[in-house]
Protein backbone atom coordinates (compact mmCIF):
# COMPACT_ATOMS: atom_id res chain seq x y z
CA MET A 1 -12.84 -10.63 -13.13
CA LYS A 2 -11.36 -8.72 -10.23
CA PHE A 3 -13.73 -9.55 -7.84
CA LYS A 4 -13.73 -13.19 -8.55
CA THR A 5 -10.12 -13.27 -8.51
CA THR A 6 -10.23 -11.61 -5.05
CA ILE A 7 -12.95 -14.14 -3.73
CA LEU A 8 -10.65 -17.10 -5.21
CA PHE A 9 -7.63 -15.72 -3.70
CA PHE A 10 -9.38 -15.46 -0.28
CA PHE A 11 -10.91 -19.21 -0.10
CA ILE A 12 -7.05 -20.35 -1.36
CA CYS A 13 -5.73 -18.69 1.81
CA VAL A 14 -8.14 -20.23 4.22
CA ALA A 15 -7.38 -23.70 3.06
CA ILE A 16 -3.88 -22.89 3.12
CA TYR A 17 -3.38 -21.39 6.52
CA ALA A 18 -6.04 -22.27 8.60
CA GLN A 19 -5.61 -24.05 11.89
CA LYS A 20 -8.22 -24.16 14.24
CA PRO A 21 -9.96 -21.49 12.68
CA ALA A 22 -13.07 -19.61 13.79
CA ILE A 23 -15.78 -18.47 12.32
CA ARG A 24 -18.47 -15.83 13.29
CA ILE A 25 -21.73 -13.54 12.01
CA PHE A 26 -22.51 -9.98 13.31
CA TYR A 27 -24.54 -7.31 12.92
CA GLY A 28 -23.28 -3.75 12.61
CA PHE A 29 -24.40 -0.37 13.40
CA SER A 30 -22.51 2.66 13.38
CA ASP A 31 -23.14 7.03 12.90
CA THR A 32 -22.03 7.05 9.71
CA GLU A 33 -21.46 9.87 7.01
CA ILE A 34 -20.22 11.36 3.93
CA SER A 35 -16.82 13.50 3.86
CA ASP A 36 -17.27 15.52 0.76
CA ASN A 37 -17.94 17.79 2.09
CA GLU A 38 -15.53 20.47 0.55
CA ASP A 39 -18.47 21.40 -1.51
CA SER A 40 -19.35 25.05 -1.00
CA ASP A 41 -22.52 24.78 -3.02
CA TYR A 42 -24.33 22.60 -0.46
CA ILE A 43 -26.77 24.41 1.23
CA TYR A 44 -27.79 21.21 3.24
CA LYS A 45 -25.61 18.39 4.24
CA ASP A 46 -26.12 14.87 2.87
CA GLU A 47 -28.16 12.95 5.71
CA ILE A 48 -27.41 8.54 6.07
CA GLU A 49 -30.79 6.93 7.22
CA ASN A 50 -31.63 3.26 7.88
CA PHE A 51 -28.26 1.95 7.90
CA TYR A 52 -27.45 -1.52 8.76
CA GLU A 53 -24.59 -4.03 7.87
CA LEU A 54 -24.49 -8.16 8.11
CA GLY A 55 -21.21 -9.74 7.94
CA ALA A 56 -19.50 -13.10 8.19
CA GLU A 57 -15.85 -13.82 8.87
CA ILE A 58 -13.04 -16.30 9.43
CA THR A 59 -10.18 -15.80 12.13
CA LEU A 60 -6.94 -17.76 11.46
CA PRO A 61 -4.64 -18.36 14.49
CA LEU A 62 -0.96 -16.87 13.35
CA SER A 63 0.56 -17.52 17.03
CA PRO A 64 -0.87 -17.46 20.41
CA LYS A 65 -1.25 -13.34 20.57
CA PHE A 66 -2.03 -12.55 16.61
CA LYS A 67 -5.19 -14.18 14.39
CA LEU A 68 -5.80 -12.97 10.81
CA THR A 69 -9.25 -11.87 10.11
CA SER A 70 -11.14 -11.72 6.96
CA GLY A 71 -14.47 -12.46 5.00
CA PHE A 72 -17.32 -10.48 3.81
CA THR A 73 -19.43 -7.53 5.02
CA TYR A 74 -22.87 -6.26 3.09
CA PHE A 75 -23.43 -3.07 3.88
CA TYR A 76 -26.87 -1.19 3.07
CA THR A 77 -27.70 2.92 3.53
CA ASP A 78 -30.00 5.05 2.14
CA ILE A 79 -28.36 8.74 1.33
CA ILE A 80 -31.28 11.67 2.01
CA ASN A 81 -29.39 14.53 -0.48
CA GLY A 82 -29.25 17.92 0.79
CA LYS A 83 -29.97 21.02 -1.82
CA ARG A 84 -27.42 22.40 -3.94
CA LEU A 85 -26.61 25.95 -5.47
CA TYR A 86 -26.86 26.60 -8.94
CA SER A 87 -25.75 30.25 -10.11
CA GLU A 88 -26.96 31.20 -14.20
CA ARG A 89 -25.60 34.58 -15.70
CA GLN A 90 -27.53 36.53 -17.24
CA THR A 91 -28.28 39.83 -19.44
CA ARG A 92 -30.28 42.51 -18.31
CA GLU A 93 -31.38 45.32 -20.51
CA GLN A 94 -34.21 47.82 -19.92
CA LEU A 95 -36.28 49.42 -22.69
CA GLY A 96 -34.61 52.67 -24.30
CA ASP A 97 -30.99 51.87 -22.63
CA ARG A 98 -27.88 52.16 -24.13
CA TYR A 99 -26.30 49.52 -21.76
CA SER A 100 -27.16 46.44 -20.48
CA ASP A 101 -25.85 44.63 -17.45
CA ASP A 102 -24.86 40.70 -16.04
CA VAL A 103 -27.14 39.40 -13.08
CA ILE A 104 -26.13 36.08 -11.40
CA ILE A 105 -29.48 33.89 -10.59
CA GLU A 106 -29.23 31.52 -7.80
CA TYR A 107 -31.47 28.60 -7.67
CA ALA A 108 -31.56 26.27 -4.76
CA TYR A 109 -32.81 22.39 -6.20
CA PRO A 110 -32.20 19.04 -4.16
CA LEU A 111 -30.67 16.21 -5.50
CA PRO A 112 -32.36 13.05 -5.78
CA ASP A 113 -31.93 10.67 -2.85
CA LYS A 114 -29.92 7.58 -3.69
CA GLN A 115 -29.05 3.55 -1.97
CA LEU A 116 -25.95 2.51 -1.61
CA GLU A 117 -25.27 -1.10 -1.10
CA ILE A 118 -21.29 -2.60 -0.46
CA LEU A 119 -20.04 -5.45 -0.61
CA SER A 120 -16.16 -5.28 1.54
CA ILE A 121 -13.87 -7.49 2.35
CA PRO A 122 -11.93 -7.04 5.16
CA VAL A 123 -7.97 -8.06 5.81
CA LEU A 124 -7.44 -7.26 9.42
CA LEU A 125 -4.38 -8.23 11.47
CA GLU A 126 -6.02 -9.18 15.43
CA PHE A 127 -3.77 -8.90 18.64
CA LYS A 128 -5.57 -10.42 21.67
CA PHE A 129 -4.49 -9.12 25.44
CA TRP A 130 -5.43 -9.42 28.89
CA ASN A 131 -7.49 -13.14 27.99
CA TYR A 132 -10.83 -11.10 26.75
CA PHE A 133 -9.76 -8.28 24.66
CA PHE A 134 -8.09 -7.38 21.20
CA LEU A 135 -7.35 -4.61 18.87
CA ASN A 136 -7.43 -5.15 15.12
CA ALA A 137 -6.84 -2.98 12.33
CA GLY A 138 -6.33 -3.38 8.58
CA PRO A 139 -7.01 -2.76 4.70
CA VAL A 140 -10.82 -3.03 3.66
CA LEU A 141 -11.72 -3.92 -0.28
CA SER A 142 -15.04 -2.65 -1.34
CA PHE A 143 -17.34 -3.10 -4.45
CA GLU A 144 -20.47 -1.18 -4.90
CA LEU A 145 -23.33 -3.19 -5.72
CA ASN A 146 -26.45 -1.49 -7.23
CA ASP A 147 -24.27 0.92 -9.43
CA PRO A 148 -20.70 1.49 -9.41
CA ASP A 149 -20.97 4.69 -11.73
CA ILE A 150 -22.88 6.22 -8.80
CA GLU A 151 -21.77 9.80 -7.34
CA TYR A 152 -20.66 7.99 -4.38
CA SER A 153 -19.39 4.81 -5.35
CA GLN A 154 -17.10 3.43 -2.49
CA ASN A 155 -15.40 1.05 -5.11
CA GLY A 156 -11.78 1.04 -3.80
CA ILE A 157 -9.32 0.01 -0.60
CA GLY A 158 -10.50 1.56 2.78
CA TYR A 159 -9.14 1.25 6.40
CA HIS A 160 -10.40 -0.26 9.54
CA LEU A 161 -9.49 0.55 13.36
CA GLY A 162 -11.06 -1.49 15.77
CA PHE A 163 -10.76 -2.62 19.27
CA GLY A 164 -13.09 -5.41 20.80
CA GLY A 165 -13.93 -7.97 23.50
CA GLN A 166 -14.78 -11.88 23.27
CA TYR A 167 -15.99 -14.42 26.10
CA ASN A 168 -16.15 -17.91 25.39
CA VAL A 169 -18.50 -20.37 26.06
CA GLY A 170 -17.05 -24.03 25.19
CA ASP A 171 -16.73 -23.77 21.66
CA PHE A 172 -18.78 -20.89 21.07
CA PHE A 173 -18.27 -17.19 21.51
CA ILE A 174 -19.70 -13.73 21.44
CA PHE A 175 -18.05 -10.58 20.53
CA ALA A 176 -18.07 -7.10 20.45
CA ASN A 177 -16.02 -4.66 18.37
CA PRO A 178 -16.33 -1.25 18.02
CA TYR A 179 -14.49 0.42 15.41
CA PHE A 180 -13.60 3.38 12.73
CA LYS A 181 -13.84 2.61 9.20
CA GLN A 182 -13.37 4.87 5.72
CA PHE A 183 -14.29 3.15 2.37
CA ALA A 184 -12.42 3.96 -0.34
CA THR A 185 -9.72 5.91 1.07
CA ILE A 186 -8.27 5.02 -2.10
CA ASP A 187 -10.47 4.84 -4.81
CA PHE A 188 -10.60 2.94 -7.84
CA LYS A 189 -12.19 6.20 -9.99
CA ASP A 190 -10.13 9.12 -11.30
CA GLU A 191 -12.51 11.83 -9.87
CA MET A 192 -11.93 15.46 -8.49
CA LEU A 193 -14.21 14.73 -5.86
CA ASP A 194 -14.44 12.14 -3.52
CA TYR A 195 -16.94 11.24 -1.56
CA ASN A 196 -15.56 8.88 1.29
CA LEU A 197 -17.97 7.02 3.52
CA SER A 198 -16.95 7.16 6.90
CA GLN A 199 -18.36 4.85 10.10
CA PHE A 200 -17.85 5.36 13.96
CA GLY A 201 -20.03 2.25 15.03
CA ALA A 202 -19.70 -1.75 16.34
CA HIS A 203 -20.21 -5.10 15.36
CA ILE A 204 -22.08 -7.47 17.81
CA GLY A 205 -21.97 -10.99 17.01
CA ILE A 206 -21.12 -14.77 18.18
CA GLY A 207 -18.76 -17.24 16.70
CA TYR A 208 -17.73 -21.16 16.72
CA GLN A 209 -14.14 -21.81 17.88
CA PHE A 210 -12.97 -25.24 15.81
């Protein structure tokens, strides 16, 4: 229900405020990591592989310098898990001894690999300067698609900070938007351990100005 209400609110905003909007599509790549990593029991950290991001956005002008940007972004990655230490206390007795003692035995075992699929909705304020460049920043609402109860769930509200450039050819344009983004800075799950997905990346795409 929350998700449907958010989508409905997005399209209502577009219908009310759209004045010569622009639409754009993009492909994203990044250096991505899971920042759990206060867990001292990990002996090998998790790795991110096979990452990609696809998105579509609409940009609504608020003034000659400011725009509001929102849309949908699909994110996919494989998480190759490290090994975790497991400790077990056992009682050791020797035949004929009156006393026994406890020993701690440690095992290292691999965790299963997982896939993350995320649908995110950014709401970004964009500031244009020097004709070709812009800054953008704002919150990012994200929803886990494959398993909302996964240990690494990114259901929550994060943020996006970016810098970019745009070049127009008639009504069409190309753009690039390097950014830093973190998912679920405020998460929807009450847990002691938070696994925030962070990205240093870029979106590259094309668009059309109505």
